[in-house]
PDB file of N, CA and C in Angstrom:
ATOM      1  N   MET A   1     -10.786 -20.789  -6.226  1.00  0.00           N
ATOM      2  CA  MET A   1      -9.985 -19.576  -6.213  1.00  0.00           C
ATOM      3  C   MET A   1     -10.732 -18.365  -6.749  1.00  0.00           C
ATOM      4  N   ALA A   2     -11.927 -18.552  -7.259  1.00  0.00           N
ATOM      5  CA  ALA A   2     -12.666 -17.417  -7.819  1.00  0.00           C
ATOM      6  C   ALA A   2     -12.907 -16.327  -6.782  1.00  0.00           C
ATOM      7  N   ILE A   3     -13.108 -16.724  -5.532  1.00  0.00           N
ATOM      8  CA  ILE A   3     -13.321 -15.725  -4.485  1.00  0.00           C
ATOM      9  C   ILE A   3     -12.052 -14.906  -4.284  1.00  0.00           C
ATOM     10  N   ARG A   4     -10.905 -15.558  -4.260  1.00  0.00           N
ATOM     11  CA  ARG A   4      -9.653 -14.829  -4.079  1.00  0.00           C
ATOM     12  C   ARG A   4      -9.360 -13.963  -5.297  1.00  0.00           C
ATOM     13  N   THR A   5      -9.726 -14.425  -6.485  1.00  0.00           N
ATOM     14  CA  THR A   5      -9.534 -13.628  -7.695  1.00  0.00           C
ATOM     15  C   THR A   5     -10.350 -12.345  -7.608  1.00  0.00           C
ATOM     16  N   ALA A   6     -11.592 -12.454  -7.189  1.00  0.00           N
ATOM     17  CA  ALA A   6     -12.446 -11.279  -7.050  1.00  0.00           C
ATOM     18  C   ALA A   6     -11.911 -10.349  -5.967  1.00  0.00           C
ATOM     19  N   ALA A   7     -11.443 -10.919  -4.875  1.00  0.00           N
ATOM     20  CA  ALA A   7     -10.898 -10.104  -3.790  1.00  0.00           C
ATOM     21  C   ALA A   7      -9.647  -9.355  -4.257  1.00  0.00           C
ATOM     22  N   ALA A   8      -8.779 -10.037  -4.997  1.00  0.00           N
ATOM     23  CA  ALA A   8      -7.569  -9.389  -5.512  1.00  0.00           C
ATOM     24  C   ALA A   8      -7.937  -8.263  -6.477  1.00  0.00           C
ATOM     25  N   ALA A   9      -8.924  -8.489  -7.324  1.00  0.00           N
ATOM     26  CA  ALA A   9      -9.361  -7.445  -8.260  1.00  0.00           C
ATOM     27  C   ALA A   9      -9.930  -6.247  -7.508  1.00  0.00           C
ATOM     28  N   ALA A  10     -10.656  -6.502  -6.432  1.00  0.00           N
ATOM     29  CA  ALA A  10     -11.202  -5.408  -5.623  1.00  0.00           C
ATOM     30  C   ALA A  10     -10.083  -4.610  -4.966  1.00  0.00           C
ATOM     31  N   VAL A  11      -9.076  -5.301  -4.453  1.00  0.00           N
ATOM     32  CA  VAL A  11      -7.926  -4.612  -3.850  1.00  0.00           C
ATOM     33  C   VAL A  11      -7.208  -3.789  -4.921  1.00  0.00           C
ATOM     34  N   ASP A  12      -7.046  -4.357  -6.119  1.00  0.00           N
ATOM     35  CA  ASP A  12      -6.406  -3.629  -7.217  1.00  0.00           C
ATOM     36  C   ASP A  12      -7.125  -2.312  -7.491  1.00  0.00           C
ATOM     37  N   ALA A  13      -8.450  -2.347  -7.536  1.00  0.00           N
ATOM     38  CA  ALA A  13      -9.230  -1.133  -7.794  1.00  0.00           C
ATOM     39  C   ALA A  13      -9.081  -0.135  -6.650  1.00  0.00           C
ATOM     40  N   ASP A  14      -9.113  -0.639  -5.425  1.00  0.00           N
ATOM     41  CA  ASP A  14      -8.948   0.248  -4.266  1.00  0.00           C
ATOM     42  C   ASP A  14      -7.577   0.909  -4.270  1.00  0.00           C
ATOM     43  N   ILE A  15      -6.551   0.155  -4.595  1.00  0.00           N
ATOM     44  CA  ILE A  15      -5.194   0.700  -4.610  1.00  0.00           C
ATOM     45  C   ILE A  15      -5.036   1.732  -5.717  1.00  0.00           C
ATOM     46  N   ALA A  16      -5.646   1.485  -6.862  1.00  0.00           N
ATOM     47  CA  ALA A  16      -5.585   2.475  -7.948  1.00  0.00           C
ATOM     48  C   ALA A  16      -6.181   3.806  -7.482  1.00  0.00           C
ATOM     49  N   GLN A  17      -7.303   3.746  -6.767  1.00  0.00           N
ATOM     50  CA  GLN A  17      -7.913   4.964  -6.251  1.00  0.00           C
ATOM     51  C   GLN A  17      -7.047   5.580  -5.156  1.00  0.00           C
ATOM     52  N   LEU A  18      -6.481   4.741  -4.294  1.00  0.00           N
ATOM     53  CA  LEU A  18      -5.608   5.237  -3.231  1.00  0.00           C
ATOM     54  C   LEU A  18      -4.406   5.970  -3.819  1.00  0.00           C
ATOM     55  N   VAL A  19      -3.808   5.426  -4.852  1.00  0.00           N
ATOM     56  CA  VAL A  19      -2.653   6.064  -5.484  1.00  0.00           C
ATOM     57  C   VAL A  19      -3.045   7.429  -6.043  1.00  0.00           C
ATOM     58  N   ALA A  20      -4.186   7.512  -6.688  1.00  0.00           N
ATOM     59  CA  ALA A  20      -4.649   8.799  -7.221  1.00  0.00           C
ATOM     60  C   ALA A  20      -4.860   9.808  -6.094  1.00  0.00           C
ATOM     61  N   ASP A  21      -5.515   9.365  -5.024  1.00  0.00           N
ATOM     62  CA  ASP A  21      -5.744  10.258  -3.881  1.00  0.00           C
ATOM     63  C   ASP A  21      -4.439  10.642  -3.200  1.00  0.00           C
ATOM     64  N   LEU A  22      -3.519   9.697  -3.106  1.00  0.00           N
ATOM     65  CA  LEU A  22      -2.233   9.960  -2.466  1.00  0.00           C
ATOM     66  C   LEU A  22      -1.433  10.999  -3.245  1.00  0.00           C
ATOM     67  N   LYS A  23      -1.477  10.934  -4.565  1.00  0.00           N
ATOM     68  CA  LYS A  23      -0.774  11.930  -5.372  1.00  0.00           C
ATOM     69  C   LYS A  23      -1.299  13.331  -5.060  1.00  0.00           C
ATOM     70  N   THR A  24      -2.601  13.451  -4.906  1.00  0.00           N
ATOM     71  CA  THR A  24      -3.197  14.743  -4.549  1.00  0.00           C
ATOM     72  C   THR A  24      -2.738  15.178  -3.168  1.00  0.00           C
ATOM     73  N   TYR A  25      -2.777  14.255  -2.215  1.00  0.00           N
ATOM     74  CA  TYR A  25      -2.357  14.551  -0.839  1.00  0.00           C
ATOM     75  C   TYR A  25      -0.894  15.004  -0.799  1.00  0.00           C
ATOM     76  N   LEU A  26      -0.030  14.303  -1.504  1.00  0.00           N
ATOM     77  CA  LEU A  26       1.393  14.648  -1.493  1.00  0.00           C
ATOM     78  C   LEU A  26       1.657  15.987  -2.175  1.00  0.00           C
ATOM     79  N   ALA A  27       0.853  16.316  -3.171  1.00  0.00           N
ATOM     80  CA  ALA A  27       1.028  17.590  -3.874  1.00  0.00           C
ATOM     81  C   ALA A  27       0.700  18.779  -2.984  1.00  0.00           C
ATOM     82  N   LEU A  28       0.007  18.524  -1.883  1.00  0.00           N
ATOM     83  CA  LEU A  28      -0.361  19.612  -0.967  1.00  0.00           C
ATOM     84  C   LEU A  28       0.691  19.873   0.106  1.00  0.00           C
ATOM     85  N   GLN A  29       1.879  19.307  -0.076  1.00  0.00           N
ATOM     86  CA  GLN A  29       2.966  19.541   0.884  1.00  0.00           C
ATOM     87  C   GLN A  29       3.254  21.033   0.959  1.00  0.00           C
ATOM     88  N   GLN A  30       3.438  21.510   2.174  1.00  0.00           N
ATOM     89  CA  GLN A  30       3.765  22.912   2.412  1.00  0.00           C
ATOM     90  C   GLN A  30       5.274  23.073   2.319  1.00  0.00           C
ATOM     91  N   THR A  31       5.769  23.317   1.114  1.00  0.00           N
ATOM     92  CA  THR A  31       7.217  23.358   0.898  1.00  0.00           C
ATOM     93  C   THR A  31       7.883  24.513   1.628  1.00  0.00           C
ATOM     94  N   THR A  32       7.122  25.526   2.015  1.00  0.00           N
ATOM     95  CA  THR A  32       7.715  26.654   2.753  1.00  0.00           C
ATOM     96  C   THR A  32       7.709  26.415   4.256  1.00  0.00           C
ATOM     97  N   SER A  33       7.126  25.298   4.680  1.00  0.00           N
ATOM     98  CA  SER A  33       7.073  24.982   6.108  1.00  0.00           C
ATOM     99  C   SER A  33       8.067  23.869   6.421  1.00  0.00           C
ATOM    100  N   PRO A  34       9.148  24.194   7.114  1.00  0.00           N
ATOM    101  CA  PRO A  34      10.131  23.170   7.451  1.00  0.00           C
ATOM    102  C   PRO A  34       9.489  22.022   8.233  1.00  0.00           C
ATOM    103  N   GLY A  35       9.837  20.818   7.865  1.00  0.00           N
ATOM    104  CA  GLY A  35       9.355  19.652   8.591  1.00  0.00           C
ATOM    105  C   GLY A  35       8.048  19.076   8.067  1.00  0.00           C
ATOM    106  N   ASP A  36       7.397  19.753   7.116  1.00  0.00           N
ATOM    107  CA  ASP A  36       6.159  19.196   6.564  1.00  0.00           C
ATOM    108  C   ASP A  36       6.535  18.048   5.637  1.00  0.00           C
ATOM    109  N   ALA A  37       6.116  16.862   5.990  1.00  0.00           N
ATOM    110  CA  ALA A  37       6.494  15.674   5.217  1.00  0.00           C
ATOM    111  C   ALA A  37       5.289  14.743   5.076  1.00  0.00           C
ATOM    112  N   PRO A  38       4.353  15.075   4.196  1.00  0.00           N
ATOM    113  CA  PRO A  38       3.171  14.232   4.067  1.00  0.00           C
ATOM    114  C   PRO A  38       3.482  12.804   3.631  1.00  0.00           C
ATOM    115  N   ALA A  39       4.544  12.603   2.865  1.00  0.00           N
ATOM    116  CA  ALA A  39       4.900  11.237   2.451  1.00  0.00           C
ATOM    117  C   ALA A  39       5.277  10.396   3.666  1.00  0.00           C
ATOM    118  N   VAL A  40       6.047  10.965   4.563  1.00  0.00           N
ATOM    119  CA  VAL A  40       6.443  10.247   5.779  1.00  0.00           C
ATOM    120  C   VAL A  40       5.228  10.008   6.669  1.00  0.00           C
ATOM    121  N   LEU A  41       4.399  11.020   6.817  1.00  0.00           N
ATOM    122  CA  LEU A  41       3.186  10.864   7.627  1.00  0.00           C
ATOM    123  C   LEU A  41       2.306   9.758   7.068  1.00  0.00           C
ATOM    124  N   PHE A  42       2.122   9.749   5.759  1.00  0.00           N
ATOM    125  CA  PHE A  42       1.295   8.717   5.131  1.00  0.00           C
ATOM    126  C   PHE A  42       1.904   7.336   5.345  1.00  0.00           C
ATOM    127  N   TRP A  43       3.218   7.221   5.160  1.00  0.00           N
ATOM    128  CA  TRP A  43       3.884   5.924   5.320  1.00  0.00           C
ATOM    129  C   TRP A  43       3.691   5.389   6.737  1.00  0.00           C
ATOM    130  N   HIS A  44       3.917   6.207   7.727  1.00  0.00           N
ATOM    131  CA  HIS A  44       3.751   5.771   9.120  1.00  0.00           C
ATOM    132  C   HIS A  44       2.305   5.374   9.402  1.00  0.00           C
ATOM    133  N   TRP A  45       1.366   6.162   8.900  1.00  0.00           N
ATOM    134  CA  TRP A  45      -0.055   5.858   9.089  1.00  0.00           C
ATOM    135  C   TRP A  45      -0.425   4.554   8.393  1.00  0.00           C
ATOM    136  N   LEU A  46       0.031   4.372   7.158  1.00  0.00           N
ATOM    137  CA  LEU A  46      -0.304   3.171   6.389  1.00  0.00           C
ATOM    138  C   LEU A  46       0.214   1.914   7.070  1.00  0.00           C
ATOM    139  N   ILE A  47       1.457   1.931   7.489  1.00  0.00           N
ATOM    140  CA  ILE A  47       2.024   0.762   8.160  1.00  0.00           C
ATOM    141  C   ILE A  47       1.259   0.473   9.445  1.00  0.00           C
ATOM    142  N   GLY A  48       0.885   1.502  10.184  1.00  0.00           N
ATOM    143  CA  GLY A  48       0.089   1.312  11.390  1.00  0.00           C
ATOM    144  C   GLY A  48      -1.255   0.683  11.095  1.00  0.00           C
ATOM    145  N   GLN A  49      -1.890   1.108  10.011  1.00  0.00           N
ATOM    146  CA  GLN A  49      -3.177   0.529   9.628  1.00  0.00           C
ATOM    147  C   GLN A  49      -3.022  -0.935   9.227  1.00  0.00           C
ATOM    148  N   LEU A  50      -2.026  -1.226   8.410  1.00  0.00           N
ATOM    149  CA  LEU A  50      -1.817  -2.591   7.934  1.00  0.00           C
ATOM    150  C   LEU A  50      -1.401  -3.526   9.064  1.00  0.00           C
ATOM    151  N   GLN A  51      -0.640  -3.004   9.988  1.00  0.00           N
ATOM    152  CA  GLN A  51      -0.178  -3.787  11.138  1.00  0.00           C
ATOM    153  C   GLN A  51      -1.356  -4.364  11.910  1.00  0.00           C
ATOM    154  N   ASP A  52      -2.451  -3.612  11.960  1.00  0.00           N
ATOM    155  CA  ASP A  52      -3.606  -4.012  12.752  1.00  0.00           C
ATOM    156  C   ASP A  52      -4.631  -4.862  11.994  1.00  0.00           C
ATOM    157  N   VAL A  53      -4.398  -5.137  10.725  1.00  0.00           N
ATOM    158  CA  VAL A  53      -5.362  -5.899   9.923  1.00  0.00           C
ATOM    159  C   VAL A  53      -5.499  -7.331  10.412  1.00  0.00           C
ATOM    160  N   ASP A  54      -4.360  -7.963  10.647  1.00  0.00           N
ATOM    161  CA  ASP A  54      -4.350  -9.389  10.971  1.00  0.00           C
ATOM    162  C   ASP A  54      -2.960  -9.740  11.499  1.00  0.00           C
ATOM    163  N   PRO A  55      -2.845 -10.703  12.409  1.00  0.00           N
ATOM    164  CA  PRO A  55      -1.520 -11.088  12.896  1.00  0.00           C
ATOM    165  C   PRO A  55      -0.563 -11.522  11.774  1.00  0.00           C
ATOM    166  N   SER A  56      -1.089 -12.159  10.742  1.00  0.00           N
ATOM    167  CA  SER A  56      -0.206 -12.576   9.645  1.00  0.00           C
ATOM    168  C   SER A  56       0.313 -11.362   8.879  1.00  0.00           C
ATOM    169  N   MET A  57      -0.491 -10.306   8.798  1.00  0.00           N
ATOM    170  CA  MET A  57      -0.038  -9.077   8.140  1.00  0.00           C
ATOM    171  C   MET A  57       1.025  -8.396   8.982  1.00  0.00           C
ATOM    172  N   ALA A  58       0.826  -8.364  10.279  1.00  0.00           N
ATOM    173  CA  ALA A  58       1.831  -7.775  11.171  1.00  0.00           C
ATOM    174  C   ALA A  58       3.156  -8.518  11.046  1.00  0.00           C
ATOM    175  N   GLN A  59       3.096  -9.838  10.987  1.00  0.00           N
ATOM    176  CA  GLN A  59       4.307 -10.649  10.831  1.00  0.00           C
ATOM    177  C   GLN A  59       4.986 -10.357   9.502  1.00  0.00           C
ATOM    178  N   ALA A  60       4.200 -10.225   8.451  1.00  0.00           N
ATOM    179  CA  ALA A  60       4.776  -9.916   7.140  1.00  0.00           C
ATOM    180  C   ALA A  60       5.468  -8.564   7.147  1.00  0.00           C
ATOM    181  N   ILE A  61       4.867  -7.583   7.794  1.00  0.00           N
ATOM    182  CA  ILE A  61       5.473  -6.251   7.873  1.00  0.00           C
ATOM    183  C   ILE A  61       6.815  -6.316   8.598  1.00  0.00           C
ATOM    184  N   ARG A  62       6.864  -7.099   9.656  1.00  0.00           N
ATOM    185  CA  ARG A  62       8.096  -7.175  10.452  1.00  0.00           C
ATOM    186  C   ARG A  62       9.199  -7.986   9.782  1.00  0.00           C
ATOM    187  N   THR A  63       8.843  -8.903   8.900  1.00  0.00           N
ATOM    188  CA  THR A  63       9.852  -9.840   8.396  1.00  0.00           C
ATOM    189  C   THR A  63      10.074  -9.828   6.889  1.00  0.00           C
ATOM    190  N   ALA A  64       9.147  -9.306   6.110  1.00  0.00           N
ATOM    191  CA  ALA A  64       9.276  -9.358   4.653  1.00  0.00           C
ATOM    192  C   ALA A  64      10.311  -8.361   4.156  1.00  0.00           C
ATOM    193  N   ASN A  65      10.912  -8.674   3.023  1.00  0.00           N
ATOM    194  CA  ASN A  65      11.842  -7.766   2.376  1.00  0.00           C
ATOM    195  C   ASN A  65      11.022  -6.719   1.623  1.00  0.00           C
ATOM    196  N   ILE A  66      10.970  -5.483   2.122  1.00  0.00           N
ATOM    197  CA  ILE A  66      10.151  -4.460   1.472  1.00  0.00           C
ATOM    198  C   ILE A  66      10.759  -3.998   0.153  1.00  0.00           C
ATOM    199  N   TYR A  67      11.961  -4.435  -0.137  1.00  0.00           N
ATOM    200  CA  TYR A  67      12.620  -4.030  -1.375  1.00  0.00           C
ATOM    201  C   TYR A  67      12.585  -5.119  -2.438  1.00  0.00           C
ATOM    202  N   ASP A  68      11.660  -6.074  -2.322  1.00  0.00           N
ATOM    203  CA  ASP A  68      11.502  -7.118  -3.335  1.00  0.00           C
ATOM    204  C   ASP A  68      10.852  -6.485  -4.557  1.00  0.00           C
ATOM    205  N   GLN A  69      11.663  -6.195  -5.544  1.00  0.00           N
ATOM    206  CA  GLN A  69      11.201  -5.440  -6.699  1.00  0.00           C
ATOM    207  C   GLN A  69      10.361  -6.265  -7.678  1.00  0.00           C
ATOM    208  N   THR A  70      10.216  -7.555  -7.443  1.00  0.00           N
ATOM    209  CA  THR A  70       9.440  -8.373  -8.386  1.00  0.00           C
ATOM    210  C   THR A  70       7.970  -7.989  -8.409  1.00  0.00           C
ATOM    211  N   ALA A  71       7.475  -7.325  -7.368  1.00  0.00           N
ATOM    212  CA  ALA A  71       6.069  -6.925  -7.316  1.00  0.00           C
ATOM    213  C   ALA A  71       5.854  -5.458  -7.652  1.00  0.00           C
ATOM    214  N   TRP A  72       6.906  -4.708  -7.769  1.00  0.00           N
ATOM    215  CA  TRP A  72       6.770  -3.270  -8.000  1.00  0.00           C
ATOM    216  C   TRP A  72       6.151  -3.005  -9.367  1.00  0.00           C
ATOM    217  N   GLY A  73       5.211  -2.086  -9.396  1.00  0.00           N
ATOM    218  CA  GLY A  73       4.586  -1.697 -10.648  1.00  0.00           C
ATOM    219  C   GLY A  73       3.559  -2.700 -11.167  1.00  0.00           C
ATOM    220  N   LYS A  74       3.213  -3.671 -10.347  1.00  0.00           N
ATOM    221  CA  LYS A  74       2.237  -4.681 -10.746  1.00  0.00           C
ATOM    222  C   LYS A  74       1.025  -4.607  -9.828  1.00  0.00           C
ATOM    223  N   THR A  75      -0.065  -5.186 -10.274  1.00  0.00           N
ATOM    224  CA  THR A  75      -1.250  -5.281  -9.438  1.00  0.00           C
ATOM    225  C   THR A  75      -1.143  -6.532  -8.577  1.00  0.00           C
ATOM    226  N   LEU A  76      -1.964  -6.600  -7.554  1.00  0.00           N
ATOM    227  CA  LEU A  76      -2.013  -7.796  -6.722  1.00  0.00           C
ATOM    228  C   LEU A  76      -2.411  -9.003  -7.564  1.00  0.00           C
ATOM    229  N   SER A  77      -3.337  -8.813  -8.472  1.00  0.00           N
ATOM    230  CA  SER A  77      -3.768  -9.900  -9.356  1.00  0.00           C
ATOM    231  C   SER A  77      -2.611 -10.453 -10.178  1.00  0.00           C
ATOM    232  N   GLN A  78      -1.658  -9.618 -10.525  1.00  0.00           N
ATOM    233  CA  GLN A  78      -0.518 -10.072 -11.315  1.00  0.00           C
ATOM    234  C   GLN A  78       0.516 -10.823 -10.496  1.00  0.00           C
ATOM    235  N   VAL A  79       0.656 -10.474  -9.222  1.00  0.00           N
ATOM    236  CA  VAL A  79       1.689 -11.133  -8.414  1.00  0.00           C
ATOM    237  C   VAL A  79       1.169 -12.324  -7.619  1.00  0.00           C
ATOM    238  N   ASP A  80      -0.141 -12.415  -7.410  1.00  0.00           N
ATOM    239  CA  ASP A  80      -0.717 -13.519  -6.638  1.00  0.00           C
ATOM    240  C   ASP A  80      -1.010 -14.679  -7.583  1.00  0.00           C
ATOM    241  N   THR A  81      -0.186 -15.702  -7.524  1.00  0.00           N
ATOM    242  CA  THR A  81      -0.353 -16.843  -8.429  1.00  0.00           C
ATOM    243  C   THR A  81      -1.549 -17.710  -8.059  1.00  0.00           C
ATOM    244  N   PHE A  82      -2.164 -17.444  -6.910  1.00  0.00           N
ATOM    245  CA  PHE A  82      -3.354 -18.207  -6.504  1.00  0.00           C
ATOM    246  C   PHE A  82      -4.648 -17.471  -6.824  1.00  0.00           C
ATOM    247  N   ALA A  83      -4.542 -16.251  -7.306  1.00  0.00           N
ATOM    248  CA  ALA A  83      -5.752 -15.472  -7.630  1.00  0.00           C
ATOM    249  C   ALA A  83      -6.180 -15.739  -9.058  1.00  0.00           C
TER     250      ALA A  83
END
């Protein structure tokens, strides 16, 4: 499992950077321009990217409960019991 542990840690670091970059991106919303919704644009783009990663990821997107709060606020390393 050491390989999966390292992979989970790498994803954790990437997500931390993504969150920082996303906060900057969202702060650039043009509040005076009706219809500007960078959060929605990012969400649609992200799901599209993840959908294409692997068939198992696409299946998870279509069937998983996105409101499972047990993983919220945690790293992948914390929620993956096999890492």
